[in-house]
């Protein structure tokens, strides 16, 4: 049996696996519209992102969508354009998880759906319905 002293924080690979599982549970019609969206997991946002998002600390941001959303014509890839990307930030997610009562898997699903929702220009209510369908 593993003791508490032997436990380790979930790694980048662990969060990537949770994100992949969360993505696989999303409704098929939602995933079909996400074609080409890249999901990345990093420990923290980089300095440029911190400045752009006006973050006071690296723990202020759980995730981020970067790209051109479908609502802004993002369905057509232009030459030289980076793919649409969703970033999940491991350390801020773990910090939030430690202070709240939800499972890590549901938190990762929430952040993933919220950030992908920006790709679609969805409302918070739309995103809640998609999360409920993925639960």
Protein backbone atom coordinates (compact mmCIF):
# COMPACT_ATOMS: atom_id res chain seq x y z
CA UNK A 1 0.00 0.00 0.00
CA UNK A 2 1.23 3.50 -0.85
CA UNK A 3 1.63 5.88 2.05
CA UNK A 4 0.90 9.59 1.87
CA UNK A 5 4.64 10.22 2.12
CA UNK A 6 5.11 8.36 -1.17
CA UNK A 7 2.52 10.31 -3.17
CA UNK A 8 3.67 12.66 -5.92
CA UNK A 9 1.87 15.50 -7.64
CA UNK A 10 0.41 14.58 -11.04
CA UNK A 11 3.01 15.14 -13.77
CA UNK A 12 2.66 16.91 -17.10
CA UNK A 13 2.08 13.47 -18.67
CA UNK A 14 -0.64 12.73 -16.09
CA UNK A 15 -2.45 15.97 -16.94
CA UNK A 16 -2.05 15.29 -20.66
CA UNK A 17 -3.68 11.88 -20.14
CA UNK A 18 -6.55 13.51 -18.20
CA UNK A 19 -6.98 16.10 -20.97
CA UNK A 20 -7.00 13.39 -23.65
CA UNK A 21 -9.59 11.40 -21.71
CA UNK A 22 -11.71 14.52 -21.16
CA UNK A 23 -11.50 15.39 -24.86
CA UNK A 24 -12.53 11.84 -25.84
CA UNK A 25 -15.67 12.15 -23.65
CA UNK A 26 -16.82 15.37 -25.35
CA UNK A 27 -19.77 15.01 -27.73
CA UNK A 28 -18.66 13.83 -31.18
CA UNK A 29 -20.22 16.83 -32.95
CA UNK A 30 -18.23 19.14 -30.65
CA UNK A 31 -14.96 17.26 -31.30
CA UNK A 32 -15.58 17.27 -35.05
CA UNK A 33 -15.56 21.07 -34.99
CA UNK A 34 -12.25 21.04 -33.07
CA UNK A 35 -10.33 19.52 -35.98
CA UNK A 36 -6.80 20.88 -35.89
CA UNK A 37 -6.97 22.32 -32.37
CA UNK A 38 -3.77 21.39 -30.52
CA UNK A 39 -3.92 20.76 -26.78
CA UNK A 40 -0.73 21.46 -24.81
CA UNK A 41 0.05 21.09 -21.11
CA UNK A 42 2.76 23.25 -19.54
CA UNK A 43 3.66 23.93 -15.92
CA UNK A 44 3.00 27.68 -16.16
CA UNK A 45 2.18 30.32 -18.76
CA UNK A 46 5.24 31.97 -20.29
CA UNK A 47 6.21 35.56 -19.46
CA UNK A 48 4.66 36.97 -22.65
CA UNK A 49 1.32 35.30 -21.88
CA UNK A 50 1.47 36.58 -18.30
CA UNK A 51 1.93 40.14 -19.59
CA UNK A 52 -0.77 39.81 -22.29
CA UNK A 53 -3.30 38.40 -19.83
CA UNK A 54 -2.34 40.91 -17.12
CA UNK A 55 -1.61 38.15 -14.58
CA UNK A 56 -0.23 39.12 -11.20
CA UNK A 57 1.18 35.65 -10.53
CA UNK A 58 1.81 32.51 -12.64
CA UNK A 59 -1.07 30.86 -10.73
CA UNK A 60 -3.70 33.28 -12.10
CA UNK A 61 -4.28 31.39 -15.34
CA UNK A 62 -5.51 27.77 -15.51
CA UNK A 63 -5.76 27.59 -19.29
CA UNK A 64 -5.74 29.65 -22.46
CA UNK A 65 -7.02 29.47 -26.03
CA UNK A 66 -4.72 31.00 -28.64
CA UNK A 67 -5.75 31.29 -32.22
CA UNK A 68 -8.59 32.39 -34.41
CA UNK A 69 -11.92 31.06 -33.23
CA UNK A 70 -14.59 29.74 -35.57
CA UNK A 71 -16.69 32.82 -34.79
CA UNK A 72 -13.83 34.95 -36.23
CA UNK A 73 -13.35 32.83 -39.36
CA UNK A 74 -10.88 30.39 -37.77
CA UNK A 75 -12.09 27.44 -39.79
CA UNK A 76 -9.79 28.34 -42.67
CA UNK A 77 -6.06 27.92 -42.13
CA UNK A 78 -3.89 30.67 -43.64
CA UNK A 79 -0.28 30.19 -44.76
CA UNK A 80 2.09 30.90 -41.89
CA UNK A 81 -0.70 30.80 -39.30
CA UNK A 82 -0.10 28.80 -36.15
CA UNK A 83 -2.73 26.16 -35.39
CA UNK A 84 -5.39 26.99 -32.83
CA UNK A 85 -4.09 25.86 -29.46
CA UNK A 86 -5.46 25.22 -26.01
CA UNK A 87 -2.97 25.50 -23.17
CA UNK A 88 -3.59 23.86 -19.80
CA UNK A 89 -1.30 25.03 -17.01
CA UNK A 90 -0.48 22.18 -14.63
CA UNK A 91 0.74 24.01 -11.52
CA UNK A 92 -2.14 26.52 -11.37
CA UNK A 93 -4.63 23.68 -12.01
CA UNK A 94 -3.08 21.62 -9.20
CA UNK A 95 -3.10 24.64 -6.88
CA UNK A 96 -6.80 25.27 -7.60
CA UNK A 97 -7.58 21.55 -7.19
CA UNK A 98 -5.88 21.45 -3.77
CA UNK A 99 -8.14 24.26 -2.54
CA UNK A 100 -11.48 22.99 -3.89
CA UNK A 101 -13.75 19.99 -3.60
CA UNK A 102 -13.81 18.74 -7.19
CA UNK A 103 -11.86 15.89 -8.74
CA UNK A 104 -8.80 16.64 -10.82
CA UNK A 105 -10.45 14.99 -13.83
CA UNK A 106 -13.53 17.21 -13.61
CA UNK A 107 -11.37 20.31 -13.19
CA UNK A 108 -9.28 19.44 -16.26
CA UNK A 109 -12.51 18.81 -18.20
CA UNK A 110 -13.88 22.17 -17.07
CA UNK A 111 -10.76 24.10 -18.12
CA UNK A 112 -10.51 22.21 -21.42
CA UNK A 113 -14.17 22.80 -22.34
CA UNK A 114 -13.94 26.45 -21.32
CA UNK A 115 -10.86 27.07 -23.46
CA UNK A 116 -12.18 25.12 -26.46
CA UNK A 117 -15.42 27.08 -26.00
CA UNK A 118 -13.47 30.22 -26.87
CA UNK A 119 -12.67 28.57 -30.23
CA UNK A 120 -16.41 28.40 -30.89
CA UNK A 121 -17.40 31.69 -29.29
CA UNK A 122 -19.72 29.80 -26.91
CA UNK A 123 -21.48 31.28 -23.92
CA UNK A 124 -20.83 30.03 -20.38
CA UNK A 125 -24.24 28.29 -20.49
CA UNK A 126 -23.28 26.45 -23.70
CA UNK A 127 -20.02 25.33 -22.13
CA UNK A 128 -21.80 24.10 -19.00
CA UNK A 129 -24.09 21.95 -21.18
CA UNK A 130 -21.09 20.45 -23.00
CA UNK A 131 -19.36 19.73 -19.69
CA UNK A 132 -22.50 18.02 -18.41
CA UNK A 133 -22.60 15.85 -21.55
CA UNK A 134 -18.94 14.87 -21.00
CA UNK A 135 -19.45 13.94 -17.33
